[in-house]
Amino acid sequence: MVNNLKIETQRLLLKAWYPEDYKQLYQNNDKAAIMSVLGYETEKEYQRDIMRLEGGMKMFNRSFCYFQIILKSDNRTIGGIGLHNWVDEHKRAEIGYNLKHDSDKQKGYMKEAIGPVIDFGFKHLKLHRIEAYFRPNNVPSKRLLEINGFTHEGLLKDHYILDGIYEDSMLYALIHPDEKN
């Protein structure tokens, strides 16, 4: 890995991946090694990254910093959290997160991971604003974001397509606490 950035919490290890880290991993390893390192369990997860690589991963003035969420007790990748659509010029990024398995949900893992990633975005990436988009019926995301100081800014109608159907998104945002107007 190019950057070797890791953040530890009580139960989790958050391992950072930037575009150059992915490129290096894919250039120097075979598919089995890549899937093992990234904790991918399915071909679909692997193919998603191949599409990102072929698309250039960093496009125009946007980049990302993705954290692999590893459970320290058994060294298992349980999900990811990251800052994407990072536009350095405007000092903003979008936060996204997921847990791979329902069996890992409702255990406070994402609540444990999100704070350090928000802090990282404000302190190290020098962000002014972090945005979050989620489906209106996603109550756990709404609660997680509100607990972490995000506020509701609006509803985006037909914001993205999922399985051929346009879906709405709630927009929540957090402004750097030391830079509020």
C-alpha atoms as a PDB file:
ATOM      1  CA  MET A   1       0.000   0.000   0.000  1.00  0.00           C
ATOM      2  CA  VAL A   2       1.252   3.462  -0.870  1.00  0.00           C
ATOM      3  CA  ASN A   3      -0.039   5.325   2.173  1.00  0.00           C
ATOM      4  CA  ASN A   4      -0.276   2.723   4.986  1.00  0.00           C
ATOM      5  CA  LEU A   5      -2.799   4.923   6.822  1.00  0.00           C
ATOM      6  CA  LYS A   6      -4.699   3.060   9.526  1.00  0.00           C
ATOM      7  CA  ILE A   7      -7.094   4.301  12.181  1.00  0.00           C
ATOM      8  CA  GLU A   8      -7.826   2.104  15.191  1.00  0.00           C
ATOM      9  CA  THR A   9     -10.918   2.206  17.352  1.00  0.00           C
ATOM     10  CA  GLN A  10     -11.801  -0.066  20.244  1.00  0.00           C
ATOM     11  CA  ARG A  11     -13.028  -2.924  18.022  1.00  0.00           C
ATOM     12  CA  LEU A  12     -12.126  -1.848  14.502  1.00  0.00           C
ATOM     13  CA  LEU A  13      -9.192  -1.217  12.221  1.00  0.00           C
ATOM     14  CA  LEU A  14      -9.912   1.271   9.444  1.00  0.00           C
ATOM     15  CA  LYS A  15      -7.424   0.807   6.614  1.00  0.00           C
ATOM     16  CA  ALA A  16      -7.304   3.675   4.089  1.00  0.00           C
ATOM     17  CA  TRP A  17      -7.221   3.174   0.343  1.00  0.00           C
ATOM     18  CA  TYR A  18      -6.619   5.942  -2.177  1.00  0.00           C
ATOM     19  CA  PRO A  19      -6.742   5.541  -5.991  1.00  0.00           C
ATOM     20  CA  GLU A  20      -2.979   4.973  -6.186  1.00  0.00           C
ATOM     21  CA  ASP A  21      -3.212   2.192  -3.573  1.00  0.00           C
ATOM     22  CA  TYR A  22      -5.776   0.316  -5.673  1.00  0.00           C
ATOM     23  CA  LYS A  23      -3.694   0.717  -8.819  1.00  0.00           C
ATOM     24  CA  GLN A  24      -0.601  -0.633  -7.089  1.00  0.00           C
ATOM     25  CA  LEU A  25      -2.518  -3.563  -5.591  1.00  0.00           C
ATOM     26  CA  TYR A  26      -4.034  -4.539  -8.944  1.00  0.00           C
ATOM     27  CA  GLN A  27      -0.746  -4.152 -10.839  1.00  0.00           C
ATOM     28  CA  ASN A  28       1.250  -6.309  -8.456  1.00  0.00           C
ATOM     29  CA  ASN A  29      -1.134  -9.117  -7.450  1.00  0.00           C
ATOM     30  CA  ASP A  30      -3.362 -11.804  -8.908  1.00  0.00           C
ATOM     31  CA  LYS A  31      -7.128 -11.923  -8.463  1.00  0.00           C
ATOM     32  CA  ALA A  32      -7.050 -14.282  -5.461  1.00  0.00           C
ATOM     33  CA  ALA A  33      -4.557 -12.090  -3.602  1.00  0.00           C
ATOM     34  CA  ILE A  34      -6.529  -8.924  -4.381  1.00  0.00           C
ATOM     35  CA  MET A  35      -9.783 -10.458  -3.154  1.00  0.00           C
ATOM     36  CA  SER A  36      -8.050 -11.645   0.016  1.00  0.00           C
ATOM     37  CA  VAL A  37      -6.409  -8.287   0.784  1.00  0.00           C
ATOM     38  CA  LEU A  38      -9.631  -6.338   0.217  1.00  0.00           C
ATOM     39  CA  GLY A  39     -11.816  -8.905   1.986  1.00  0.00           C
ATOM     40  CA  TYR A  40     -13.940  -9.503  -1.108  1.00  0.00           C
ATOM     41  CA  GLU A  41     -16.165 -12.550  -0.897  1.00  0.00           C
ATOM     42  CA  THR A  42     -17.833 -12.392  -4.302  1.00  0.00           C
ATOM     43  CA  GLU A  43     -16.977 -11.905  -7.935  1.00  0.00           C
ATOM     44  CA  LYS A  44     -19.367  -8.938  -7.956  1.00  0.00           C
ATOM     45  CA  GLU A  45     -17.245  -7.054  -5.392  1.00  0.00           C
ATOM     46  CA  TYR A  46     -14.108  -7.721  -7.429  1.00  0.00           C
ATOM     47  CA  GLN A  47     -15.729  -6.685 -10.727  1.00  0.00           C
ATOM     48  CA  ARG A  48     -16.962  -3.423  -9.169  1.00  0.00           C
ATOM     49  CA  ASP A  49     -13.355  -2.436  -8.530  1.00  0.00           C
ATOM     50  CA  ILE A  50     -12.248  -3.495 -11.996  1.00  0.00           C
ATOM     51  CA  MET A  51     -14.871  -1.107 -13.419  1.00  0.00           C
ATOM     52  CA  ARG A  52     -13.579   1.691 -11.180  1.00  0.00           C
ATOM     53  CA  LEU A  53     -10.009   1.048 -12.307  1.00  0.00           C
ATOM     54  CA  GLU A  54     -10.966   1.045 -15.963  1.00  0.00           C
ATOM     55  CA  GLY A  55     -12.878   4.292 -15.403  1.00  0.00           C
ATOM     56  CA  GLY A  56      -9.782   5.970 -14.055  1.00  0.00           C
ATOM     57  CA  MET A  57     -10.835   5.970 -10.373  1.00  0.00           C
ATOM     58  CA  LYS A  58      -9.930   9.634 -10.061  1.00  0.00           C
ATOM     59  CA  MET A  59     -11.913  11.668 -12.535  1.00  0.00           C
ATOM     60  CA  PHE A  60     -11.508  15.338 -13.319  1.00  0.00           C
ATOM     61  CA  ASN A  61     -11.017  17.074  -9.978  1.00  0.00           C
ATOM     62  CA  ARG A  62     -12.644  14.376  -7.852  1.00  0.00           C
ATOM     63  CA  SER A  63     -11.008  11.681  -5.808  1.00  0.00           C
ATOM     64  CA  PHE A  64     -11.764   9.486  -2.796  1.00  0.00           C
ATOM     65  CA  CYS A  65     -10.415   7.993   0.392  1.00  0.00           C
ATOM     66  CA  TYR A  66     -12.002   4.643   1.228  1.00  0.00           C
ATOM     67  CA  PHE A  67     -11.536   2.846   4.549  1.00  0.00           C
ATOM     68  CA  GLN A  68     -11.806  -0.915   4.724  1.00  0.00           C
ATOM     69  CA  ILE A  69     -13.528  -1.770   8.043  1.00  0.00           C
ATOM     70  CA  ILE A  70     -11.765  -4.715   9.665  1.00  0.00           C
ATOM     71  CA  LEU A  71     -13.022  -6.336  12.844  1.00  0.00           C
ATOM     72  CA  LYS A  72      -9.942  -6.648  15.072  1.00  0.00           C
ATOM     73  CA  SER A  73     -11.214  -9.717  16.942  1.00  0.00           C
ATOM     74  CA  ASP A  74     -11.032 -11.972  13.867  1.00  0.00           C
ATOM     75  CA  ASN A  75      -9.290  -9.805  11.211  1.00  0.00           C
ATOM     76  CA  ARG A  76     -12.421  -9.986   9.012  1.00  0.00           C
ATOM     77  CA  THR A  77     -13.419  -7.217   6.601  1.00  0.00           C
ATOM     78  CA  ILE A  78     -16.988  -6.365   7.564  1.00  0.00           C
ATOM     79  CA  GLY A  79     -17.576  -3.366   5.320  1.00  0.00           C
ATOM     80  CA  GLY A  80     -16.340   0.003   4.229  1.00  0.00           C
ATOM     81  CA  ILE A  81     -16.671   3.698   4.853  1.00  0.00           C
ATOM     82  CA  GLY A  82     -15.203   6.498   2.873  1.00  0.00           C
ATOM     83  CA  LEU A  83     -15.164   9.970   1.515  1.00  0.00           C
ATOM     84  CA  HIS A  84     -15.844  10.043  -2.206  1.00  0.00           C
ATOM     85  CA  ASN A  85     -16.745  12.717  -4.730  1.00  0.00           C
ATOM     86  CA  TRP A  86     -14.002  14.575  -2.881  1.00  0.00           C
ATOM     87  CA  VAL A  87     -13.526  17.952  -4.561  1.00  0.00           C
ATOM     88  CA  ASP A  88     -10.422  19.491  -3.033  1.00  0.00           C
ATOM     89  CA  GLU A  89     -10.996  22.843  -4.741  1.00  0.00           C
ATOM     90  CA  HIS A  90     -14.300  23.277  -2.879  1.00  0.00           C
ATOM     91  CA  LYS A  91     -13.225  21.451   0.301  1.00  0.00           C
ATOM     92  CA  ARG A  92     -16.158  19.021   0.259  1.00  0.00           C
ATOM     93  CA  ALA A  93     -16.759  15.298  -0.029  1.00  0.00           C
ATOM     94  CA  GLU A  94     -19.572  12.801   0.269  1.00  0.00           C
ATOM     95  CA  ILE A  95     -19.491  10.133   2.964  1.00  0.00           C
ATOM     96  CA  GLY A  96     -20.689   6.628   2.190  1.00  0.00           C
ATOM     97  CA  TYR A  97     -20.661   3.437   4.211  1.00  0.00           C
ATOM     98  CA  ASN A  98     -21.850  -0.148   4.207  1.00  0.00           C
ATOM     99  CA  LEU A  99     -21.685  -3.360   6.172  1.00  0.00           C
ATOM    100  CA  LYS A 100     -21.487  -6.555   4.126  1.00  0.00           C
ATOM    101  CA  HIS A 101     -23.655  -8.848   6.219  1.00  0.00           C
ATOM    102  CA  ASP A 102     -26.854  -8.370   8.207  1.00  0.00           C
ATOM    103  CA  SER A 103     -25.209 -10.307  11.042  1.00  0.00           C
ATOM    104  CA  ASP A 104     -22.790  -7.369  11.538  1.00  0.00           C
ATOM    105  CA  LYS A 105     -25.538  -4.749  11.716  1.00  0.00           C
ATOM    106  CA  GLN A 106     -27.050  -3.381  14.918  1.00  0.00           C
ATOM    107  CA  LYS A 107     -23.759  -3.879  16.783  1.00  0.00           C
ATOM    108  CA  GLY A 108     -22.550  -0.261  16.716  1.00  0.00           C
ATOM    109  CA  TYR A 109     -19.728  -0.861  14.234  1.00  0.00           C
ATOM    110  CA  MET A 110     -20.707   1.978  11.917  1.00  0.00           C
ATOM    111  CA  LYS A 111     -21.297   4.292  14.856  1.00  0.00           C
ATOM    112  CA  GLU A 112     -17.754   3.455  15.969  1.00  0.00           C
ATOM    113  CA  ALA A 113     -16.263   4.007  12.497  1.00  0.00           C
ATOM    114  CA  ILE A 114     -17.979   7.185  11.331  1.00  0.00           C
ATOM    115  CA  GLY A 115     -16.588   9.614  13.927  1.00  0.00           C
ATOM    116  CA  PRO A 116     -12.920   8.945  13.166  1.00  0.00           C
ATOM    117  CA  VAL A 117     -13.585   9.192   9.413  1.00  0.00           C
ATOM    118  CA  ILE A 118     -15.370  12.528   9.842  1.00  0.00           C
ATOM    119  CA  ASP A 119     -12.462  13.777  11.976  1.00  0.00           C
ATOM    120  CA  PHE A 120      -9.995  12.543   9.342  1.00  0.00           C
ATOM    121  CA  GLY A 121     -11.902  14.422   6.630  1.00  0.00           C
ATOM    122  CA  PHE A 122     -11.904  17.691   8.531  1.00  0.00           C
ATOM    123  CA  LYS A 123      -8.373  17.501   9.971  1.00  0.00           C
ATOM    124  CA  HIS A 124      -6.334  15.752   7.285  1.00  0.00           C
ATOM    125  CA  LEU A 125      -8.235  16.347   4.053  1.00  0.00           C
ATOM    126  CA  LYS A 126      -9.045  19.894   5.184  1.00  0.00           C
ATOM    127  CA  LEU A 127     -12.716  19.515   4.268  1.00  0.00           C
ATOM    128  CA  HIS A 128     -15.198  22.263   5.072  1.00  0.00           C
ATOM    129  CA  ARG A 129     -18.319  20.220   4.252  1.00  0.00           C
ATOM    130  CA  ILE A 130     -19.237  16.522   4.282  1.00  0.00           C
ATOM    131  CA  GLU A 131     -22.441  15.469   2.528  1.00  0.00           C
ATOM    132  CA  ALA A 132     -24.444  12.267   2.851  1.00  0.00           C
ATOM    133  CA  TYR A 133     -27.155  10.926   0.559  1.00  0.00           C
ATOM    134  CA  PHE A 134     -29.453   8.072   1.522  1.00  0.00           C
ATOM    135  CA  ARG A 135     -32.851   6.582   0.711  1.00  0.00           C
ATOM    136  CA  PRO A 136     -35.673   8.340   2.580  1.00  0.00           C
ATOM    137  CA  ASN A 137     -36.754   5.099   4.293  1.00  0.00           C
ATOM    138  CA  ASN A 138     -33.247   4.305   5.587  1.00  0.00           C
ATOM    139  CA  VAL A 139     -33.914   5.094   9.254  1.00  0.00           C
ATOM    140  CA  PRO A 140     -30.583   3.671  10.550  1.00  0.00           C
ATOM    141  CA  SER A 141     -28.595   6.014   8.255  1.00  0.00           C
ATOM    142  CA  LYS A 142     -30.732   8.986   9.244  1.00  0.00           C
ATOM    143  CA  ARG A 143     -30.184   8.234  12.920  1.00  0.00           C
ATOM    144  CA  LEU A 144     -26.426   7.640  12.474  1.00  0.00           C
ATOM    145  CA  LEU A 145     -25.972  10.921  10.636  1.00  0.00           C
ATOM    146  CA  GLU A 146     -28.062  12.952  13.089  1.00  0.00           C
ATOM    147  CA  ILE A 147     -26.143  11.503  16.064  1.00  0.00           C
ATOM    148  CA  ASN A 148     -22.972  12.739  14.372  1.00  0.00           C
ATOM    149  CA  GLY A 149     -24.237  16.282  13.856  1.00  0.00           C
ATOM    150  CA  PHE A 150     -25.446  16.109  10.247  1.00  0.00           C
ATOM    151  CA  THR A 151     -28.510  18.188   9.417  1.00  0.00           C
ATOM    152  CA  HIS A 152     -31.233  17.664   6.837  1.00  0.00           C
ATOM    153  CA  GLU A 153     -30.844  19.922   3.793  1.00  0.00           C
ATOM    154  CA  GLY A 154     -33.359  18.510   1.357  1.00  0.00           C
ATOM    155  CA  LEU A 155     -34.890  15.789  -0.763  1.00  0.00           C
ATOM    156  CA  LEU A 156     -33.490  15.099  -4.229  1.00  0.00           C
ATOM    157  CA  LYS A 157     -36.222  13.696  -6.461  1.00  0.00           C
ATOM    158  CA  ASP A 158     -35.235  10.911  -8.900  1.00  0.00           C
ATOM    159  CA  HIS A 159     -31.603  11.301  -7.841  1.00  0.00           C
ATOM    160  CA  TYR A 160     -30.315   7.896  -8.996  1.00  0.00           C
ATOM    161  CA  ILE A 161     -31.435   4.734 -10.759  1.00  0.00           C
ATOM    162  CA  LEU A 162     -31.659   1.407  -8.915  1.00  0.00           C
ATOM    163  CA  ASP A 163     -32.748  -1.645 -10.882  1.00  0.00           C
ATOM    164  CA  GLY A 164     -34.143   0.594 -13.612  1.00  0.00           C
ATOM    165  CA  ILE A 165     -36.254   2.690 -11.227  1.00  0.00           C
ATOM    166  CA  TYR A 166     -35.543   6.291 -10.267  1.00  0.00           C
ATOM    167  CA  GLU A 167     -35.083   6.704  -6.522  1.00  0.00           C
ATOM    168  CA  ASP A 168     -35.102   9.768  -4.281  1.00  0.00           C
ATOM    169  CA  SER A 169     -32.282  10.706  -1.925  1.00  0.00           C
ATOM    170  CA  MET A 170     -32.270  12.587   1.341  1.00  0.00           C
ATOM    171  CA  LEU A 171     -29.419  15.098   1.568  1.00  0.00           C
ATOM    172  CA  TYR A 172     -27.768  15.641   4.928  1.00  0.00           C
ATOM    173  CA  ALA A 173     -24.601  17.643   5.530  1.00  0.00           C
ATOM    174  CA  LEU A 174     -22.105  18.531   8.213  1.00  0.00           C
ATOM    175  CA  ILE A 175     -20.078  21.742   8.137  1.00  0.00           C
ATOM    176  CA  HIS A 176     -16.696  21.760   9.887  1.00  0.00           C
ATOM    177  CA  PRO A 177     -17.598  22.847  13.435  1.00  0.00           C
ATOM    178  CA  ASP A 178     -14.804  25.434  13.596  1.00  0.00           C
ATOM    179  CA  GLU A 179     -15.783  27.023  10.268  1.00  0.00           C
ATOM    180  CA  LYS A 180     -19.536  27.598  10.599  1.00  0.00           C
ATOM    181  CA  ASN A 181     -20.777  31.030   9.546  1.00  0.00           C
END
